[in-house]
Protein backbone atom coordinates (compact mmCIF):
# COMPACT_ATOMS: atom_id res chain seq x y z
CA UNK A 1 175.36 134.92 176.81
CA UNK A 2 175.29 137.18 179.81
CA UNK A 3 172.63 135.71 182.25
CA UNK A 4 172.89 138.94 184.51
CA UNK A 5 170.97 140.66 181.51
CA UNK A 6 168.23 138.13 181.68
CA UNK A 7 167.95 138.71 185.25
CA UNK A 8 167.80 142.35 185.14
CA UNK A 9 164.82 141.73 182.66
CA UNK A 10 163.18 139.43 185.17
CA UNK A 11 163.38 136.48 182.65
CA UNK A 12 164.67 134.04 185.17
CA UNK A 13 162.72 132.52 187.78
CA UNK A 14 165.89 131.92 189.87
CA UNK A 15 169.22 133.23 189.06
CA UNK A 16 172.06 130.42 188.70
CA UNK A 17 175.01 131.24 191.06
CA UNK A 18 177.23 128.13 190.38
CA UNK A 19 179.14 127.38 187.16
CA UNK A 20 177.24 124.24 186.77
CA UNK A 21 173.76 125.87 187.08
CA UNK A 22 174.94 128.76 184.70
CA UNK A 23 175.95 126.05 182.09
CA UNK A 24 172.61 124.32 182.56
CA UNK A 25 170.57 127.45 181.90
CA UNK A 26 172.56 128.13 178.77
CA UNK A 27 171.92 124.55 177.61
CA UNK A 28 168.29 125.11 178.31
CA UNK A 29 168.13 128.23 176.11
CA UNK A 30 170.19 127.01 173.36
CA UNK A 31 168.13 123.71 172.98
CA UNK A 32 164.84 126.41 173.04
CA UNK A 33 166.39 127.88 170.16
CA UNK A 34 167.23 124.73 168.14
CA UNK A 35 163.51 123.69 168.62
CA UNK A 36 162.22 127.11 167.64
CA UNK A 37 164.31 127.00 164.49
CA UNK A 38 162.50 124.00 163.14
CA UNK A 39 158.81 124.58 164.49
CA UNK A 40 156.69 127.18 165.24
CA UNK A 41 156.34 128.84 168.79
CA UNK A 42 152.75 127.20 169.21
CA UNK A 43 154.39 123.68 168.96
CA UNK A 44 156.99 124.39 171.63
CA UNK A 45 156.78 122.44 174.91
CA UNK A 46 158.95 122.06 177.91
CA UNK A 47 159.13 118.47 177.24
CA UNK A 48 160.40 118.89 173.63
CA UNK A 49 163.16 121.21 175.14
CA UNK A 50 163.98 118.64 177.98
CA UNK A 51 164.40 116.11 175.16
CA UNK A 52 166.61 118.27 173.13
CA UNK A 53 168.90 119.51 175.91
CA UNK A 54 168.84 116.44 178.30
CA UNK A 55 167.62 118.53 181.22
CA UNK A 56 164.59 117.22 183.14
CA UNK A 57 161.45 119.18 182.99
CA UNK A 58 161.65 119.69 186.73
CA UNK A 59 164.98 121.45 186.26
CA UNK A 60 163.80 123.72 183.62
CA UNK A 61 160.89 124.79 186.02
CA UNK A 62 163.72 125.82 188.45
CA UNK A 63 164.85 128.76 186.19
CA UNK A 64 161.76 129.20 184.00
CA UNK A 65 158.28 129.66 185.06
CA UNK A 66 156.58 128.78 182.06
CA UNK A 67 157.03 128.44 178.17
CA UNK A 68 156.25 132.38 177.98
CA UNK A 69 159.24 133.25 180.22
CA UNK A 70 161.34 130.42 178.48
CA UNK A 71 160.67 131.88 174.98
CA UNK A 72 161.27 135.53 175.90
CA UNK A 73 164.77 134.52 177.57
CA UNK A 74 165.67 132.75 174.41
CA UNK A 75 164.75 135.67 172.36
CA UNK A 76 166.66 137.99 174.30
CA UNK A 77 169.54 135.62 174.82
CA UNK A 78 169.90 135.27 170.89
CA UNK A 79 169.61 138.87 170.22
CA UNK A 80 172.08 139.59 173.06
CA UNK A 81 174.53 137.16 171.48
CA UNK A 82 173.97 138.90 167.99
CA UNK A 83 174.73 142.29 169.34
CA UNK A 84 177.55 140.95 171.35
CA UNK A 85 179.25 139.67 168.33
CA UNK A 86 178.63 142.90 166.48
CA UNK A 87 180.04 144.92 169.16
CA UNK A 88 183.05 142.74 169.47
CA UNK A 89 183.89 143.06 165.87
CA UNK A 90 183.47 146.86 165.81
CA UNK A 91 185.38 147.32 169.09
CA UNK A 92 188.21 145.65 167.09
CA UNK A 93 187.65 148.00 164.16
CA UNK A 94 187.93 151.03 166.52
CA UNK A 95 191.27 149.69 167.76
CA UNK A 96 192.53 149.54 164.27
CA UNK A 97 191.84 153.26 163.70
CA UNK A 98 189.63 152.88 160.92
CA UNK A 99 187.71 155.91 159.85
CA UNK A 100 184.29 156.76 161.54
CA UNK A 101 182.38 156.17 158.34
CA UNK A 102 184.18 152.76 157.57
CA UNK A 103 183.34 151.79 161.21
CA UNK A 104 179.72 152.58 161.00
CA UNK A 105 179.51 150.87 157.55
CA UNK A 106 180.99 147.78 159.15
CA UNK A 107 178.68 147.99 162.07
CA UNK A 108 175.34 148.10 159.71
CA UNK A 109 176.77 145.50 157.31
CA UNK A 110 177.57 142.98 160.00
CA UNK A 111 174.21 143.45 161.54
CA UNK A 112 172.37 142.47 158.39
CA UNK A 113 174.72 139.20 157.87
CA UNK A 114 173.94 138.37 161.48
CA UNK A 115 170.34 138.77 161.30
CA UNK A 116 170.21 136.86 157.98
CA UNK A 117 171.98 133.87 159.46
CA UNK A 118 169.31 133.95 162.40
CA UNK A 119 166.32 134.42 159.85
CA UNK A 120 164.56 131.23 160.54
CA UNK A 121 164.57 131.54 164.54
CA UNK A 122 163.45 135.16 164.63
CA UNK A 123 160.69 134.80 161.93
CA UNK A 124 159.19 131.99 164.14
CA UNK A 125 159.28 134.24 167.20
CA UNK A 126 156.72 136.42 165.64
CA UNK A 127 153.81 135.47 168.36
CA UNK A 128 156.25 137.25 171.04
CA UNK A 129 155.45 140.81 170.14
CA UNK A 130 151.51 140.28 170.07
CA UNK A 131 151.19 137.69 172.93
CA UNK A 132 154.12 137.97 175.26
CA UNK A 133 153.95 141.74 176.39
CA UNK A 134 157.59 142.64 175.50
CA UNK A 135 157.17 146.22 175.34
CA UNK A 136 158.95 147.16 178.68
CA UNK A 137 161.57 144.40 178.38
CA UNK A 138 162.40 145.86 174.86
CA UNK A 139 162.89 149.32 176.32
CA UNK A 140 165.35 147.72 178.94
CA UNK A 141 167.16 145.64 176.53
CA UNK A 142 167.52 148.75 174.32
CA UNK A 143 169.15 150.69 177.32
CA UNK A 144 171.49 147.92 178.36
CA UNK A 145 173.10 148.14 174.70
CA UNK A 146 172.54 151.84 174.16
CA UNK A 147 175.94 152.72 176.00
CA UNK A 148 177.78 149.88 174.62
CA UNK A 149 177.01 150.74 171.04
CA UNK A 150 177.98 154.40 171.61
CA UNK A 151 181.38 153.35 172.66
CA UNK A 152 182.22 152.34 169.27
CA UNK A 153 181.58 155.75 167.79
CA UNK A 154 182.92 157.81 170.86
CA UNK A 155 186.51 158.13 169.42
CA UNK A 156 185.26 160.29 166.40
CA UNK A 157 182.70 162.36 168.09
CA UNK A 158 183.53 166.12 168.04
CA UNK A 159 184.66 167.44 171.28
CA UNK A 160 182.29 170.40 171.13
CA UNK A 161 179.29 168.33 170.65
CA UNK A 162 177.16 168.48 173.89
CA UNK A 163 176.20 165.19 176.10
CA UNK A 164 172.72 165.60 175.21
CA UNK A 165 173.51 165.21 171.41
CA UNK A 166 175.77 162.41 172.30
CA UNK A 167 172.99 160.73 174.06
CA UNK A 168 170.67 161.24 170.86
CA UNK A 169 173.15 159.56 168.58
CA UNK A 170 173.41 156.62 170.73
CA UNK A 171 169.54 156.38 170.78
CA UNK A 172 169.23 156.65 166.87
CA UNK A 173 171.85 154.06 166.51
CA UNK A 174 170.34 151.57 168.82
CA UNK A 175 166.92 152.06 167.61
CA UNK A 176 167.99 151.41 164.10
CA UNK A 177 169.55 148.22 165.31
CA UNK A 178 166.32 147.01 167.19
CA UNK A 179 164.18 148.19 164.39
CA UNK A 180 165.74 145.64 162.00
CA UNK A 181 165.55 142.96 164.71
CA UNK A 182 161.91 143.78 165.43
CA UNK A 183 161.20 143.38 161.74
CA UNK A 184 162.63 140.03 161.76
CA UNK A 185 160.53 139.10 164.58
CA UNK A 186 157.48 140.26 162.88
CA UNK A 187 158.08 137.71 160.26
CA UNK A 188 159.69 140.17 157.75
CA UNK A 189 161.91 138.57 155.24
CA UNK A 190 165.06 140.38 153.96
CA UNK A 191 164.77 141.22 150.15
CA UNK A 192 166.80 139.06 147.94
CA UNK A 193 169.26 141.75 147.25
CA UNK A 194 170.75 142.09 150.78
CA UNK A 195 173.40 144.56 149.42
CA UNK A 196 170.46 147.40 149.07
CA UNK A 197 169.46 146.43 152.57
CA UNK A 198 172.99 147.09 153.68
CA UNK A 199 173.14 150.57 151.71
CA UNK A 200 169.53 151.62 153.24
CA UNK A 201 170.56 151.25 156.81
CA UNK A 202 174.04 152.65 156.42
CA UNK A 203 172.49 155.78 154.80
CA UNK A 204 169.95 155.94 157.47
CA UNK A 205 172.74 155.93 160.26
CA UNK A 206 175.18 157.96 158.51
CA UNK A 207 172.99 160.70 157.38
CA UNK A 208 172.16 161.25 161.01
CA UNK A 209 175.44 160.95 162.90
CA UNK A 210 177.93 162.30 160.43
CA UNK A 211 177.40 166.14 161.71
CA UNK A 212 178.52 164.96 164.92
CA UNK A 213 181.60 163.24 163.80
CA UNK A 214 185.25 163.84 162.68
CA UNK A 215 187.06 162.06 160.09
CA UNK A 216 189.69 161.08 162.48
CA UNK A 217 189.75 159.84 165.98
CA UNK A 218 190.38 162.69 168.93
CA UNK A 219 190.75 162.18 172.44
CA UNK A 220 187.41 163.28 174.03
CA UNK A 221 187.11 165.67 177.15
CA UNK A 222 183.66 164.77 178.08
CA UNK A 223 182.35 162.91 181.01
CA UNK A 224 181.61 159.28 180.65
CA UNK A 225 178.03 158.42 179.77
């Protein structure tokens, strides 16, 4: 959990600078996620988070102005954690010199698996979209991870592809990731046949990015995004 990202999104009242305070914020966020996994957002209170985390309500207020801010921070922290796990696996895949198609397939399959694991939590966070004004924050969140996701496919992008096209590829991928995530927040339940969902997401991504990729890795002679 990168607290700096939450700070950039203005989802912390005060940024913790000491290791102890950073650990405290993470405990608060994790406790909030646990509470939301078992009951609706409407029933969430800072007192319940306090009991679950062992952190005094006054200390929670030091870092989160209100329930709205705490809930937003929890959503982004969990989403960030999922994306980080996905990126970590795919970066290892890239190091192992797997072909581009397999890399993208593993990325999309892992996305589905991770989101299914968190289904209960994200479904309960439905009020975020309509009631907590996440539009601008979602755009910032998308941009934070767009470049990181692009790094996964960079080794296979053809050298003659323009920087504008490379940017477009990164936006398509991250928008697809965010689209599935937002579907969960909206309360959408994954179909029982998750293999069909994996196939659908992969086909969407592959059909778009395939023209820009080589089948094998190449050293790129383009500027860093």
